[in-house]
C-alpha atoms as a PDB file:
ATOM      1  CA  MET A   1     190.692  74.791-155.912  1.00  0.00           C
ATOM      2  CA  THR A   2     186.687  74.801-155.294  1.00  0.00           C
ATOM      3  CA  ASP A   3     184.749  72.439-153.114  1.00  0.00           C
ATOM      4  CA  LYS A   4     182.251  72.321-155.892  1.00  0.00           C
ATOM      5  CA  PRO A   5     181.428  68.650-156.864  1.00  0.00           C
ATOM      6  CA  THR A   6     181.971  67.547-160.383  1.00  0.00           C
ATOM      7  CA  THR A   7     178.873  65.850-161.104  1.00  0.00           C
ATOM      8  CA  LYS A   8     175.572  67.540-162.030  1.00  0.00           C
ATOM      9  CA  PRO A   9     173.109  67.394-158.703  1.00  0.00           C
ATOM     10  CA  GLY A  10     171.006  64.165-158.981  1.00  0.00           C
ATOM     11  CA  ALA A  11     173.468  62.241-161.381  1.00  0.00           C
ATOM     12  CA  GLU A  12     173.602  59.637-158.442  1.00  0.00           C
ATOM     13  CA  LYS A  13     169.956  58.869-158.875  1.00  0.00           C
ATOM     14  CA  THR A  14     170.344  58.889-162.643  1.00  0.00           C
ATOM     15  CA  LEU A  15     173.301  56.654-162.037  1.00  0.00           C
ATOM     16  CA  THR A  16     170.772  54.180-159.777  1.00  0.00           C
ATOM     17  CA  ARG A  17     167.944  54.066-162.141  1.00  0.00           C
ATOM     18  CA  GLU A  18     170.562  53.034-165.202  1.00  0.00           C
ATOM     19  CA  GLU A  19     171.878  50.086-162.783  1.00  0.00           C
ATOM     20  CA  ARG A  20     168.321  49.337-162.236  1.00  0.00           C
ATOM     21  CA  LEU A  21     167.451  49.323-165.651  1.00  0.00           C
ATOM     22  CA  ALA A  22     170.465  47.282-166.594  1.00  0.00           C
ATOM     23  CA  ALA A  23     169.855  44.882-163.984  1.00  0.00           C
ATOM     24  CA  ALA A  24     166.200  44.224-164.845  1.00  0.00           C
ATOM     25  CA  LEU A  25     167.420  44.208-168.830  1.00  0.00           C
ATOM     26  CA  ARG A  26     169.831  41.107-167.367  1.00  0.00           C
ATOM     27  CA  GLU A  27     167.043  39.088-165.605  1.00  0.00           C
ATOM     28  CA  ASN A  28     164.682  39.660-168.569  1.00  0.00           C
ATOM     29  CA  LEU A  29     167.396  38.261-170.782  1.00  0.00           C
ATOM     30  CA  ARG A  30     168.038  35.353-168.615  1.00  0.00           C
ATOM     31  CA  ARG A  31     164.369  34.667-168.403  1.00  0.00           C
ATOM     32  CA  ARG A  32     164.167  34.494-172.051  1.00  0.00           C
ATOM     33  CA  LYS A  33     166.921  32.282-172.723  1.00  0.00           C
ATOM     34  CA  THR A  34     165.500  30.055-170.331  1.00  0.00           C
ATOM     35  CA  GLN A  35     162.040  30.259-171.820  1.00  0.00           C
ATOM     36  CA  SER A  36     163.583  29.620-175.363  1.00  0.00           C
ATOM     37  CA  ARG A  37     165.650  26.609-174.121  1.00  0.00           C
ATOM     38  CA  GLU A  38     162.510  24.834-172.523  1.00  0.00           C
ATOM     39  CA  ARG A  39     160.516  25.563-175.733  1.00  0.00           C
ATOM     40  CA  GLU A  40     163.400  23.692-177.263  1.00  0.00           C
ATOM     41  CA  ASP A  41     163.961  21.047-175.325  1.00  0.00           C
ATOM     42  CA  THR A  42     160.072  20.129-175.405  1.00  0.00           C
ATOM     43  CA  ALA A  43     160.116  20.354-179.408  1.00  0.00           C
ATOM     44  CA  ASP A  44     163.169  18.150-179.435  1.00  0.00           C
ATOM     45  CA  SER A  45     161.578  15.607-177.399  1.00  0.00           C
ATOM     46  CA  PRO A  46     159.751  12.808-179.110  1.00  0.00           C
ATOM     47  CA  ALA A  47     155.962  12.770-178.840  1.00  0.00           C
ATOM     48  CA  SER A  48     154.257   9.427-176.996  1.00  0.00           C
ATOM     49  CA  ASP A  49     151.761   8.094-179.596  1.00  0.00           C
ATOM     50  CA  GLY A  50     150.673   5.541-177.208  1.00  0.00           C
ATOM     51  CA  GLU A  51     152.666   2.527-179.107  1.00  0.00           C
END
């Protein structure tokens, strides 16, 4: 029975960093998907020829 922590010192900092990186990756993916959808919408819409 020891009172020593089972994790390494600084592990909480690493976990927080990993969580921030994961959140940044998710946000980046959402942004890229949105941009891709917008590009598809503009490519699919017929261009006005002025007729």
